[in-house]
Every structure is written in structure tokens, then in C-alpha cells.
Protein backbone atom coordinates (compact mmCIF):
# COMPACT_ATOMS: atom_id res chain seq x y z
CA MET A 1 -4.47 31.48 8.39
CA ARG A 2 -2.18 31.83 11.37
CA GLU A 3 -3.31 28.48 12.83
CA ILE A 4 -2.72 26.70 9.53
CA ARG A 5 0.72 28.25 9.17
CA GLU A 6 1.72 27.37 12.73
CA SER A 7 0.62 23.76 12.27
CA LEU A 8 2.91 23.30 9.26
CA PRO A 9 6.46 22.02 9.58
CA GLU A 10 8.94 24.87 9.37
CA GLU A 11 10.19 23.87 5.91
CA GLN A 12 6.62 24.06 4.53
CA ARG A 13 5.82 27.53 5.86
CA GLU A 14 7.85 29.19 3.12
CA HIS A 15 5.81 27.35 0.46
CA PHE A 16 2.59 28.32 2.22
CA ASP A 17 3.62 31.98 2.35
CA ALA A 18 4.65 31.97 -1.31
CA GLU A 19 1.38 30.43 -2.44
CA LEU A 20 -0.67 32.87 -0.39
CA ALA A 21 1.24 35.78 -1.92
CA ASP A 22 0.25 34.60 -5.43
CA THR A 23 -3.36 33.63 -4.65
CA ASP A 24 -6.28 35.69 -5.89
CA LEU A 25 -8.78 36.65 -3.24
CA ASP A 26 -11.50 34.53 -4.89
CA ALA A 27 -9.30 31.42 -4.71
CA LEU A 28 -8.23 31.98 -1.10
CA PRO A 29 -10.83 29.68 0.54
CA ALA A 30 -9.81 26.71 -1.63
CA VAL A 31 -6.10 27.30 -1.00
CA LEU A 32 -6.63 27.57 2.75
CA GLN A 33 -8.77 24.43 2.76
CA ARG A 34 -6.07 22.45 0.91
CA TRP A 35 -3.31 23.63 3.24
CA ALA A 36 -5.45 22.96 6.33
CA VAL A 37 -6.00 19.39 5.21
CA MET A 38 -2.30 18.89 4.45
CA ALA A 39 -1.32 20.37 7.80
CA ASN A 40 -3.64 18.16 9.82
CA ASP A 41 -3.97 14.82 8.04
CA GLY A 42 -0.68 13.35 9.27
CA PHE A 43 0.46 12.50 5.75
CA LEU A 44 3.41 14.88 5.85
CA ASP A 45 4.50 13.40 9.16
CA PHE A 46 4.31 9.95 7.58
CA LEU A 47 6.45 11.02 4.62
CA LEU A 48 9.03 12.61 6.87
CA SER A 49 9.23 9.55 9.13
CA ALA A 50 10.17 6.30 7.42
CA PRO A 51 7.83 5.94 4.44
CA PHE A 52 9.82 3.18 2.74
CA GLU A 53 10.60 1.13 5.81
CA GLY A 54 9.69 -2.51 5.23
CA LEU A 55 9.20 -2.13 1.48
CA GLU A 56 11.22 -4.17 -1.00
CA PHE A 57 12.31 -2.57 -4.24
CA GLY A 58 13.53 -4.02 -7.50
CA GLU A 59 10.62 -6.28 -8.43
CA ARG A 60 7.24 -5.49 -9.85
CA SER A 61 4.25 -7.78 -9.63
CA TYR A 62 3.86 -7.89 -13.39
CA ASP A 63 7.48 -9.01 -14.01
CA ASP A 64 6.58 -12.65 -13.27
CA ALA A 65 3.54 -12.53 -15.55
CA ALA A 66 5.58 -11.08 -18.41
CA SER A 67 8.26 -13.76 -18.14
CA GLY A 68 5.64 -16.55 -18.09
CA GLN A 69 6.14 -17.64 -14.47
């Protein structure tokens, strides 16, 4: 548990602690597995970096089809 907690960004540790406090002992392995994956898959780092860089907003691919173009 300590390794998982230490691998999380500081702002996520509070959420981790809160969830552990409310977790039944039987559900603990699944909770720890989920947090271990989140802590080590790089996805959180991606979200905190520049996840929308290079994306264009305001158009949807089905807008052209709906307007007959």
C-alpha cells in the first residue's frame, strides 16, 4: 500500500486515503489493484500534461453528414 501511495501524485493521495478508509477488507485487493494500475500506467501524467494540445474543437464528424455535405 505504501508503494502505491508514494507513486501517486500528491493531489491523488488524499483520494486514495479516503477510499481505503471506506473499503471493506474483502474488497481491499480490488481497490489496491485499481489504484496500482492508475498510479503506474502513465495516464494521469498524460492528463496533467497537455491532453488537448493539437486537438481542434467546435466540429463533430457527423455535422457534415447531417447537413448533407
